[in-house]
C-alpha atoms as a PDB file:
ATOM      1  CA  MET A   1       5.629   1.917 -13.622  1.00  0.00           C
ATOM      2  CA  ARG A   2       7.216   0.074 -10.838  1.00  0.00           C
ATOM      3  CA  ASN A   3       6.753   0.838  -7.218  1.00  0.00           C
ATOM      4  CA  GLU A   4       8.849  -0.367  -4.377  1.00  0.00           C
ATOM      5  CA  PHE A   5       7.900  -0.211  -0.680  1.00  0.00           C
ATOM      6  CA  THR A   6       9.606  -1.725   2.398  1.00  0.00           C
ATOM      7  CA  ALA A   7       8.043  -4.907   3.859  1.00  0.00           C
ATOM      8  CA  ILE A   8       8.677  -5.483   7.504  1.00  0.00           C
ATOM      9  CA  ILE A   9       7.848  -9.179   8.203  1.00  0.00           C
ATOM     10  CA  GLU A  10       7.783 -10.610  11.712  1.00  0.00           C
ATOM     11  CA  ARG A  11       6.767 -13.937  13.158  1.00  0.00           C
ATOM     12  CA  ASP A  12       3.975 -13.800  15.653  1.00  0.00           C
ATOM     13  CA  GLY A  13       3.389 -17.308  16.825  1.00  0.00           C
ATOM     14  CA  GLU A  14       2.260 -19.381  14.055  1.00  0.00           C
ATOM     15  CA  TRP A  15       1.437 -16.308  11.849  1.00  0.00           C
ATOM     16  CA  PHE A  16       3.542 -13.838  10.054  1.00  0.00           C
ATOM     17  CA  ILE A  17       2.653 -10.201  10.125  1.00  0.00           C
ATOM     18  CA  ALA A  18       3.735  -7.600   7.715  1.00  0.00           C
ATOM     19  CA  TYR A  19       3.727  -3.831   7.643  1.00  0.00           C
ATOM     20  CA  CYS A  20       4.920  -1.082   5.348  1.00  0.00           C
ATOM     21  CA  PRO A  21       6.605   1.944   7.135  1.00  0.00           C
ATOM     22  CA  GLU A  22       6.070   4.161   4.086  1.00  0.00           C
ATOM     23  CA  ILE A  23       2.379   3.644   4.116  1.00  0.00           C
ATOM     24  CA  PRO A  24       0.859   4.179   7.380  1.00  0.00           C
ATOM     25  CA  GLY A  25      -2.058   1.741   8.048  1.00  0.00           C
ATOM     26  CA  ALA A  26      -0.780  -0.899   5.547  1.00  0.00           C
ATOM     27  CA  ASN A  27      -0.590  -4.362   7.375  1.00  0.00           C
ATOM     28  CA  GLY A  28      -0.895  -7.933   6.215  1.00  0.00           C
ATOM     29  CA  GLN A  29      -0.623 -11.100   7.764  1.00  0.00           C
ATOM     30  CA  GLY A  30      -0.517 -14.898   6.714  1.00  0.00           C
ATOM     31  CA  ARG A  31       0.623 -18.458   7.602  1.00  0.00           C
ATOM     32  CA  THR A  32       3.706 -17.972   5.387  1.00  0.00           C
ATOM     33  CA  LYS A  33       5.951 -15.094   4.642  1.00  0.00           C
ATOM     34  CA  GLU A  34       4.769 -15.130   1.050  1.00  0.00           C
ATOM     35  CA  GLU A  35       1.095 -14.874   2.209  1.00  0.00           C
ATOM     36  CA  ALA A  36       1.820 -12.005   4.691  1.00  0.00           C
ATOM     37  CA  ARG A  37       3.828 -10.278   1.851  1.00  0.00           C
ATOM     38  CA  GLN A  38       0.934 -10.631  -0.602  1.00  0.00           C
ATOM     39  CA  SER A  39      -1.684  -9.537   1.961  1.00  0.00           C
ATOM     40  CA  LEU A  40       0.492  -6.525   2.632  1.00  0.00           C
ATOM     41  CA  ALA A  41       0.839  -5.746  -1.125  1.00  0.00           C
ATOM     42  CA  ASP A  42      -2.987  -5.959  -1.404  1.00  0.00           C
ATOM     43  CA  ALA A  43      -3.351  -3.567   1.430  1.00  0.00           C
ATOM     44  CA  ILE A  44      -0.958  -0.935  -0.043  1.00  0.00           C
ATOM     45  CA  ALA A  45      -2.814  -1.138  -3.445  1.00  0.00           C
ATOM     46  CA  LEU A  46      -6.177  -0.678  -1.590  1.00  0.00           C
ATOM     47  CA  ILE A  47      -4.683   2.352   0.453  1.00  0.00           C
ATOM     48  CA  LEU A  48      -3.175   3.971  -2.565  1.00  0.00           C
ATOM     49  CA  GLU A  49      -6.403   3.695  -4.759  1.00  0.00           C
ATOM     50  CA  ASP A  50      -8.373   5.257  -1.852  1.00  0.00           C
ATOM     51  CA  ARG A  51      -5.965   8.027  -1.295  1.00  0.00           C
ATOM     52  CA  ARG A  52      -6.081   8.849  -5.176  1.00  0.00           C
ATOM     53  CA  GLU A  53      -9.990   8.831  -5.169  1.00  0.00           C
ATOM     54  CA  ASP A  54     -10.015  11.024  -2.060  1.00  0.00           C
ATOM     55  CA  GLY A  55      -7.480  13.453  -3.175  1.00  0.00           C
ATOM     56  CA  GLN A  56      -9.234  13.881  -6.537  1.00  0.00           C
ATOM     57  CA  ARG A  57     -12.507  14.778  -4.862  1.00  0.00           C
ATOM     58  CA  GLY A  58     -11.182  17.752  -3.415  1.00  0.00           C
ATOM     59  CA  ALA A  59      -9.666  19.188  -6.513  1.00  0.00           C
ATOM     60  CA  PRO A  60     -11.842  21.981  -8.212  1.00  0.00           C
ATOM     61  CA  PRO A  61     -13.467  20.826 -11.394  1.00  0.00           C
ATOM     62  CA  ASP A  62     -11.504  23.075 -13.583  1.00  0.00           C
ATOM     63  CA  ALA A  63      -8.087  22.108 -12.085  1.00  0.00           C
ATOM     64  CA  GLU A  64      -5.640  20.474 -14.523  1.00  0.00           C
ATOM     65  CA  ARG A  65      -4.913  17.078 -13.740  1.00  0.00           C
ATOM     66  CA  ASP A  66      -1.605  15.426 -14.980  1.00  0.00           C
ATOM     67  CA  THR A  67       0.722  12.480 -14.287  1.00  0.00           C
ATOM     68  CA  VAL A  68       3.953  12.165 -12.693  1.00  0.00           C
ATOM     69  CA  VAL A  69       5.844   9.009 -13.182  1.00  0.00           C
ATOM     70  CA  LEU A  70       8.728   7.646 -10.930  1.00  0.00           C
ATOM     71  CA  THR A  71      11.319   5.666 -12.459  1.00  0.00           C
END
Protein backbone atom coordinates (compact mmCIF):
# COMPACT_ATOMS: atom_id res chain seq x y z
CA MET A 1 0.00 0.00 0.00
CA ARG A 2 1.29 3.45 -0.85
CA ASN A 3 0.44 6.52 1.18
CA GLU A 4 1.25 10.01 -0.04
CA PHE A 5 1.34 13.11 2.11
CA THR A 6 2.20 16.73 1.40
CA ALA A 7 5.64 17.89 2.57
CA ILE A 8 6.04 21.64 2.98
CA ILE A 9 9.76 22.42 3.18
CA GLU A 10 11.16 25.83 4.08
CA ARG A 11 14.66 27.15 4.66
CA ASP A 12 15.37 28.49 8.15
CA GLY A 13 18.90 29.86 8.18
CA GLU A 14 21.23 26.93 7.57
CA TRP A 15 18.47 24.37 8.22
CA PHE A 16 15.47 23.12 6.32
CA ILE A 17 12.25 22.54 8.21
CA ALA A 18 9.40 20.38 6.95
CA TYR A 19 5.83 19.80 8.00
CA CYS A 20 2.81 17.91 6.77
CA PRO A 21 -0.53 19.77 6.78
CA GLU A 22 -2.52 16.50 6.68
CA ILE A 23 -0.90 15.16 9.87
CA PRO A 24 -0.97 17.73 12.68
CA GLY A 25 2.22 17.60 14.72
CA ALA A 26 4.31 15.97 11.98
CA ASN A 27 7.49 18.02 11.63
CA GLY A 28 11.02 17.37 10.47
CA GLN A 29 14.30 19.17 10.04
CA GLY A 30 17.68 18.68 8.43
CA ARG A 31 20.73 20.36 6.96
CA THR A 32 19.49 19.37 3.48
CA LYS A 33 16.03 19.13 1.93
CA GLU A 34 16.37 15.35 1.75
CA GLU A 35 17.29 15.12 5.46
CA ALA A 36 14.27 17.26 6.33
CA ARG A 37 12.00 15.13 4.10
CA GLN A 38 13.27 11.90 5.70
CA SER A 39 12.91 13.36 9.20
CA LEU A 40 9.31 14.29 8.32
CA ALA A 41 8.62 10.81 6.93
CA ASP A 42 9.90 9.28 10.18
CA ALA A 43 7.67 11.62 12.22
CA ILE A 44 4.60 10.75 10.11
CA ALA A 45 5.25 7.01 10.56
CA LEU A 46 5.58 7.39 14.34
CA ILE A 47 2.42 9.48 14.63
CA LEU A 48 0.35 7.06 12.54
CA GLU A 49 1.64 4.06 14.51
CA ASP A 50 0.80 5.79 17.80
CA ARG A 51 -2.68 6.77 16.59
CA ARG A 52 -3.37 3.19 15.44
CA GLU A 53 -2.36 1.76 18.82
CA ASP A 54 -4.28 4.45 20.71
CA GLY A 55 -7.41 3.92 18.62
CA GLN A 56 -7.39 0.16 19.15
CA ARG A 57 -7.09 0.52 22.92
CA GLY A 58 -10.54 2.14 23.01
CA ALA A 59 -12.29 -0.60 21.03
CA PRO A 60 -14.25 -3.21 22.96
CA PRO A 61 -12.60 -6.67 23.01
CA ASP A 62 -15.48 -8.22 21.05
CA ALA A 63 -15.46 -5.52 18.30
CA GLU A 64 -14.80 -6.73 14.79
CA ARG A 65 -11.50 -5.49 13.33
CA ASP A 66 -11.00 -5.29 9.59
CA THR A 67 -8.68 -3.52 7.14
CA VAL A 68 -9.40 -0.67 4.73
CA VAL A 69 -6.94 -0.27 1.85
CA LEU A 70 -6.57 3.00 -0.06
CA THR A 71 -5.33 2.74 -3.63
